[in-house]
Amino acid sequence: MISLSSEITDIKGRHALRGWVFFDRDCNVCTLLARRFRGPLESRGFGLAALQDPRVQALLALPPEDLLREMRVATCEGKIYGGAEAIVYLARQIWWAWPLYAAAKLPGVLRLLDACYRWFADHRTCSSGLCSLPTQRSQSLEIQEEHTVGAYGSSHQRSLNGRE
């Protein structure tokens, strides 16, 4: 297992004591939020790094098409959280954000937070104007088109991300 505190450092060579928060540096909103929360996160032992960093890609061992789908938190204990679950994990670490953690423990709330996170992630724009992620809308159109073709007798197979 890779030790996060010894393998990954920020651009100044510093190690994170408790873990790393990985974000999409090409997403303007993601970068803005990373800057906004850098202080509270660093004071609690978390470092920030871009998902596009080759070391992060190697650590997470995700296929390129999944790497930028959501922010991730990797703890020094080796746990990796993504999306809404990552936000809830971080909320538990910050006293003034703790109510979000508590609310997420109520039935259905984490599922709602995840749906909101998914919507945001699917509709964000990247600074380059060419986000490498397919939008939820284009994926649903692909499914709808294949389902329509299947309804007329040629195939009943549905695919996600090009897989059958």
C-alpha atoms as a PDB file:
ATOM      1  CA  MET A   1       0.000   0.000   0.000  1.00  0.00           C
ATOM      2  CA  ILE A   2       1.235   3.478  -0.841  1.00  0.00           C
ATOM      3  CA  SER A   3       1.727   5.692   2.173  1.00  0.00           C
ATOM      4  CA  LEU A   4       0.199   9.018   1.265  1.00  0.00           C
ATOM      5  CA  SER A   5       2.226  10.948   3.789  1.00  0.00           C
ATOM      6  CA  SER A   6       5.505   9.714   2.343  1.00  0.00           C
ATOM      7  CA  GLU A   7       4.724   9.372  -1.376  1.00  0.00           C
ATOM      8  CA  ILE A   8       2.816  12.547  -2.213  1.00  0.00           C
ATOM      9  CA  THR A   9       4.019  16.041  -1.431  1.00  0.00           C
ATOM     10  CA  ASP A  10       2.786  19.432  -2.555  1.00  0.00           C
ATOM     11  CA  ILE A  11       4.832  21.717  -4.827  1.00  0.00           C
ATOM     12  CA  LYS A  12       6.843  22.904  -1.827  1.00  0.00           C
ATOM     13  CA  GLY A  13       7.672  19.342  -0.753  1.00  0.00           C
ATOM     14  CA  ARG A  14       5.326  19.315   2.243  1.00  0.00           C
ATOM     15  CA  HIS A  15       3.542  16.165   3.367  1.00  0.00           C
ATOM     16  CA  ALA A  16      -0.077  16.015   4.491  1.00  0.00           C
ATOM     17  CA  LEU A  17      -0.481  14.551   7.964  1.00  0.00           C
ATOM     18  CA  ARG A  18      -4.069  13.278   7.624  1.00  0.00           C
ATOM     19  CA  GLY A  19      -4.625  12.913   3.888  1.00  0.00           C
ATOM     20  CA  TRP A  20      -5.145  14.586   0.555  1.00  0.00           C
ATOM     21  CA  VAL A  21      -8.048  16.308  -1.150  1.00  0.00           C
ATOM     22  CA  PHE A  22      -7.894  15.870  -4.916  1.00  0.00           C
ATOM     23  CA  PHE A  23      -9.813  18.232  -7.212  1.00  0.00           C
ATOM     24  CA  ASP A  24     -10.118  18.973 -10.930  1.00  0.00           C
ATOM     25  CA  ARG A  25      -7.823  21.910 -11.638  1.00  0.00           C
ATOM     26  CA  ASP A  26      -9.513  22.554 -15.002  1.00  0.00           C
ATOM     27  CA  CYS A  27     -12.868  23.196 -13.333  1.00  0.00           C
ATOM     28  CA  ASN A  28     -13.140  26.870 -12.345  1.00  0.00           C
ATOM     29  CA  VAL A  29     -15.608  26.221  -9.526  1.00  0.00           C
ATOM     30  CA  CYS A  30     -13.536  23.302  -8.188  1.00  0.00           C
ATOM     31  CA  THR A  31     -10.395  25.438  -8.159  1.00  0.00           C
ATOM     32  CA  LEU A  32     -12.225  28.328  -6.491  1.00  0.00           C
ATOM     33  CA  LEU A  33     -13.543  26.007  -3.765  1.00  0.00           C
ATOM     34  CA  ALA A  34     -10.108  24.438  -3.276  1.00  0.00           C
ATOM     35  CA  ARG A  35      -8.624  27.906  -2.745  1.00  0.00           C
ATOM     36  CA  ARG A  36     -11.461  28.895  -0.415  1.00  0.00           C
ATOM     37  CA  PHE A  37     -11.073  25.814   1.788  1.00  0.00           C
ATOM     38  CA  ARG A  38      -7.272  25.476   1.610  1.00  0.00           C
ATOM     39  CA  GLY A  39      -6.785  27.152   5.013  1.00  0.00           C
ATOM     40  CA  PRO A  40      -9.316  25.114   6.990  1.00  0.00           C
ATOM     41  CA  LEU A  41      -8.174  21.888   5.325  1.00  0.00           C
ATOM     42  CA  GLU A  42      -4.437  22.484   5.726  1.00  0.00           C
ATOM     43  CA  SER A  43      -4.864  23.501   9.370  1.00  0.00           C
ATOM     44  CA  ARG A  44      -6.484  20.093   9.912  1.00  0.00           C
ATOM     45  CA  GLY A  45      -3.683  18.174   8.212  1.00  0.00           C
ATOM     46  CA  PHE A  46      -5.049  17.825   4.669  1.00  0.00           C
ATOM     47  CA  GLY A  47      -3.144  18.765   1.549  1.00  0.00           C
ATOM     48  CA  LEU A  48      -4.672  19.690  -1.795  1.00  0.00           C
ATOM     49  CA  ALA A  49      -3.583  18.331  -5.163  1.00  0.00           C
ATOM     50  CA  ALA A  50      -4.939  18.256  -8.681  1.00  0.00           C
ATOM     51  CA  LEU A  51      -6.448  15.036  -9.990  1.00  0.00           C
ATOM     52  CA  GLN A  52      -4.407  15.654 -13.137  1.00  0.00           C
ATOM     53  CA  ASP A  53      -1.109  15.149 -11.257  1.00  0.00           C
ATOM     54  CA  PRO A  54       0.482  11.884 -12.516  1.00  0.00           C
ATOM     55  CA  ARG A  55       1.235  10.833  -8.920  1.00  0.00           C
ATOM     56  CA  VAL A  56      -2.443  11.148  -8.051  1.00  0.00           C
ATOM     57  CA  GLN A  57      -3.428   9.166 -11.126  1.00  0.00           C
ATOM     58  CA  ALA A  58      -1.011   6.408 -10.110  1.00  0.00           C
ATOM     59  CA  LEU A  59      -2.231   6.409  -6.500  1.00  0.00           C
ATOM     60  CA  LEU A  60      -5.933   6.220  -7.334  1.00  0.00           C
ATOM     61  CA  ALA A  61      -5.393   3.695 -10.153  1.00  0.00           C
ATOM     62  CA  LEU A  62      -8.540   4.792 -11.945  1.00  0.00           C
ATOM     63  CA  PRO A  63      -9.163   4.613 -15.674  1.00  0.00           C
ATOM     64  CA  PRO A  64      -8.735   8.041 -17.317  1.00  0.00           C
ATOM     65  CA  GLU A  65     -12.472   8.352 -18.005  1.00  0.00           C
ATOM     66  CA  ASP A  66     -13.268   7.965 -14.270  1.00  0.00           C
ATOM     67  CA  LEU A  67     -10.457  10.063 -12.818  1.00  0.00           C
ATOM     68  CA  LEU A  68     -12.107  13.477 -13.195  1.00  0.00           C
ATOM     69  CA  ARG A  69     -15.681  12.410 -12.428  1.00  0.00           C
ATOM     70  CA  GLU A  70     -15.532  13.561  -8.821  1.00  0.00           C
ATOM     71  CA  MET A  71     -13.296  15.066  -6.176  1.00  0.00           C
ATOM     72  CA  ARG A  72     -11.598  12.521  -3.949  1.00  0.00           C
ATOM     73  CA  VAL A  73     -10.194  12.384  -0.457  1.00  0.00           C
ATOM     74  CA  ALA A  74      -7.456   9.890   0.342  1.00  0.00           C
ATOM     75  CA  THR A  75      -6.700   9.450   4.034  1.00  0.00           C
ATOM     76  CA  CYS A  76      -3.367   8.430   5.493  1.00  0.00           C
ATOM     77  CA  GLU A  77      -5.115   5.247   6.677  1.00  0.00           C
ATOM     78  CA  GLY A  78      -5.586   4.293   3.022  1.00  0.00           C
ATOM     79  CA  LYS A  79      -9.298   5.027   2.694  1.00  0.00           C
ATOM     80  CA  ILE A  80     -10.527   6.826  -0.411  1.00  0.00           C
ATOM     81  CA  TYR A  81     -13.783   8.759  -0.517  1.00  0.00           C
ATOM     82  CA  GLY A  82     -15.328  10.335  -3.582  1.00  0.00           C
ATOM     83  CA  GLY A  83     -17.995  12.912  -4.405  1.00  0.00           C
ATOM     84  CA  ALA A  84     -20.598  13.639  -1.737  1.00  0.00           C
ATOM     85  CA  GLU A  85     -19.084  11.000   0.543  1.00  0.00           C
ATOM     86  CA  ALA A  86     -15.777  12.920   0.411  1.00  0.00           C
ATOM     87  CA  ILE A  87     -17.497  16.190   1.294  1.00  0.00           C
ATOM     88  CA  VAL A  88     -19.281  14.559   4.227  1.00  0.00           C
ATOM     89  CA  TYR A  89     -15.993  13.025   5.426  1.00  0.00           C
ATOM     90  CA  LEU A  90     -14.328  16.465   5.325  1.00  0.00           C
ATOM     91  CA  ALA A  91     -17.333  18.070   7.040  1.00  0.00           C
ATOM     92  CA  ARG A  92     -16.768  15.751   9.988  1.00  0.00           C
ATOM     93  CA  GLN A  93     -13.241  17.126  10.340  1.00  0.00           C
ATOM     94  CA  ILE A  94     -14.276  20.805  10.547  1.00  0.00           C
ATOM     95  CA  TRP A  95     -16.293  21.904  13.576  1.00  0.00           C
ATOM     96  CA  TRP A  96     -18.442  24.466  11.750  1.00  0.00           C
ATOM     97  CA  ALA A  97     -19.241  21.989   8.946  1.00  0.00           C
ATOM     98  CA  TRP A  98     -20.076  19.158  11.341  1.00  0.00           C
ATOM     99  CA  PRO A  99     -23.878  19.682  10.987  1.00  0.00           C
ATOM    100  CA  LEU A 100     -23.575  18.526   7.367  1.00  0.00           C
ATOM    101  CA  TYR A 101     -21.930  15.318   8.588  1.00  0.00           C
ATOM    102  CA  ALA A 102     -24.695  14.839  11.175  1.00  0.00           C
ATOM    103  CA  ALA A 103     -27.440  15.488   8.594  1.00  0.00           C
ATOM    104  CA  ALA A 104     -25.853  12.975   6.207  1.00  0.00           C
ATOM    105  CA  LYS A 105     -26.414  10.270   8.821  1.00  0.00           C
ATOM    106  CA  LEU A 106     -30.190  10.741   8.585  1.00  0.00           C
ATOM    107  CA  PRO A 107     -32.002   8.288   6.305  1.00  0.00           C
ATOM    108  CA  GLY A 108     -31.956   9.400   2.681  1.00  0.00           C
ATOM    109  CA  VAL A 109     -29.858  12.535   3.169  1.00  0.00           C
ATOM    110  CA  LEU A 110     -26.579  11.105   1.858  1.00  0.00           C
ATOM    111  CA  ARG A 111     -28.450   9.802  -1.175  1.00  0.00           C
ATOM    112  CA  LEU A 112     -29.856  13.309  -1.759  1.00  0.00           C
ATOM    113  CA  LEU A 113     -26.417  14.891  -1.321  1.00  0.00           C
ATOM    114  CA  ASP A 114     -24.987  12.390  -3.779  1.00  0.00           C
ATOM    115  CA  ALA A 115     -27.688  13.208  -6.343  1.00  0.00           C
ATOM    116  CA  CYS A 116     -26.952  16.929  -5.952  1.00  0.00           C
ATOM    117  CA  TYR A 117     -23.214  16.315  -6.269  1.00  0.00           C
ATOM    118  CA  ARG A 118     -23.734  14.166  -9.388  1.00  0.00           C
ATOM    119  CA  TRP A 119     -25.883  16.883 -10.966  1.00  0.00           C
ATOM    120  CA  PHE A 120     -23.242  19.519 -10.269  1.00  0.00           C
ATOM    121  CA  ALA A 121     -20.385  17.312 -11.502  1.00  0.00           C
ATOM    122  CA  ASP A 122     -22.265  16.469 -14.692  1.00  0.00           C
ATOM    123  CA  HIS A 123     -23.051  20.126 -15.427  1.00  0.00           C
ATOM    124  CA  ARG A 124     -19.804  21.843 -14.499  1.00  0.00           C
ATOM    125  CA  THR A 125     -17.692  23.438 -17.165  1.00  0.00           C
ATOM    126  CA  CYS A 126     -13.954  23.297 -17.491  1.00  0.00           C
ATOM    127  CA  SER A 127     -11.762  26.343 -18.031  1.00  0.00           C
ATOM    128  CA  SER A 128     -10.447  24.887 -21.271  1.00  0.00           C
ATOM    129  CA  GLY A 129     -14.016  24.712 -22.557  1.00  0.00           C
ATOM    130  CA  LEU A 130     -13.397  21.074 -23.422  1.00  0.00           C
ATOM    131  CA  CYS A 131     -14.251  19.031 -20.400  1.00  0.00           C
ATOM    132  CA  SER A 132     -13.175  15.448 -20.991  1.00  0.00           C
ATOM    133  CA  LEU A 133     -16.208  14.096 -19.176  1.00  0.00           C
ATOM    134  CA  PRO A 134     -19.305  13.095 -21.109  1.00  0.00           C
ATOM    135  CA  THR A 135     -22.318  14.926 -19.784  1.00  0.00           C
ATOM    136  CA  GLN A 136     -25.153  13.068 -18.156  1.00  0.00           C
ATOM    137  CA  ARG A 137     -27.415  14.403 -20.910  1.00  0.00           C
ATOM    138  CA  SER A 138     -25.291  12.933 -23.690  1.00  0.00           C
ATOM    139  CA  GLN A 139     -25.143   9.590 -21.875  1.00  0.00           C
ATOM    140  CA  SER A 140     -28.905   9.524 -21.444  1.00  0.00           C
ATOM    141  CA  LEU A 141     -29.373  10.411 -25.113  1.00  0.00           C
ATOM    142  CA  GLU A 142     -27.142   7.474 -26.094  1.00  0.00           C
ATOM    143  CA  ILE A 143     -29.232   5.138 -23.931  1.00  0.00           C
ATOM    144  CA  GLN A 144     -32.478   6.575 -25.284  1.00  0.00           C
ATOM    145  CA  GLU A 145     -31.329   6.220 -28.907  1.00  0.00           C
ATOM    146  CA  GLU A 146     -30.257   2.616 -28.392  1.00  0.00           C
ATOM    147  CA  HIS A 147     -33.489   1.831 -26.577  1.00  0.00           C
ATOM    148  CA  THR A 148     -35.517   3.402 -29.412  1.00  0.00           C
ATOM    149  CA  VAL A 149     -33.658   1.348 -32.018  1.00  0.00           C
ATOM    150  CA  GLY A 150     -34.250  -1.745 -29.900  1.00  0.00           C
ATOM    151  CA  ALA A 151     -37.956  -1.017 -29.682  1.00  0.00           C
ATOM    152  CA  TYR A 152     -38.179  -1.309 -33.443  1.00  0.00           C
ATOM    153  CA  GLY A 153     -36.749  -4.778 -33.601  1.00  0.00           C
ATOM    154  CA  SER A 154     -32.997  -4.531 -34.135  1.00  0.00           C
ATOM    155  CA  SER A 155     -31.613  -4.739 -30.586  1.00  0.00           C
ATOM    156  CA  HIS A 156     -32.736  -4.542 -26.977  1.00  0.00           C
ATOM    157  CA  GLN A 157     -29.243  -3.967 -25.579  1.00  0.00           C
ATOM    158  CA  ARG A 158     -28.489  -0.822 -23.624  1.00  0.00           C
ATOM    159  CA  SER A 159     -24.994   0.454 -23.063  1.00  0.00           C
ATOM    160  CA  LEU A 160     -23.324   2.848 -20.724  1.00  0.00           C
ATOM    161  CA  ASN A 161     -20.075   4.511 -21.703  1.00  0.00           C
ATOM    162  CA  GLY A 162     -19.816   2.386 -24.818  1.00  0.00           C
ATOM    163  CA  ARG A 163     -20.068  -0.977 -23.037  1.00  0.00           C
ATOM    164  CA  GLU A 164     -22.799  -3.524 -23.703  1.00  0.00           C
END
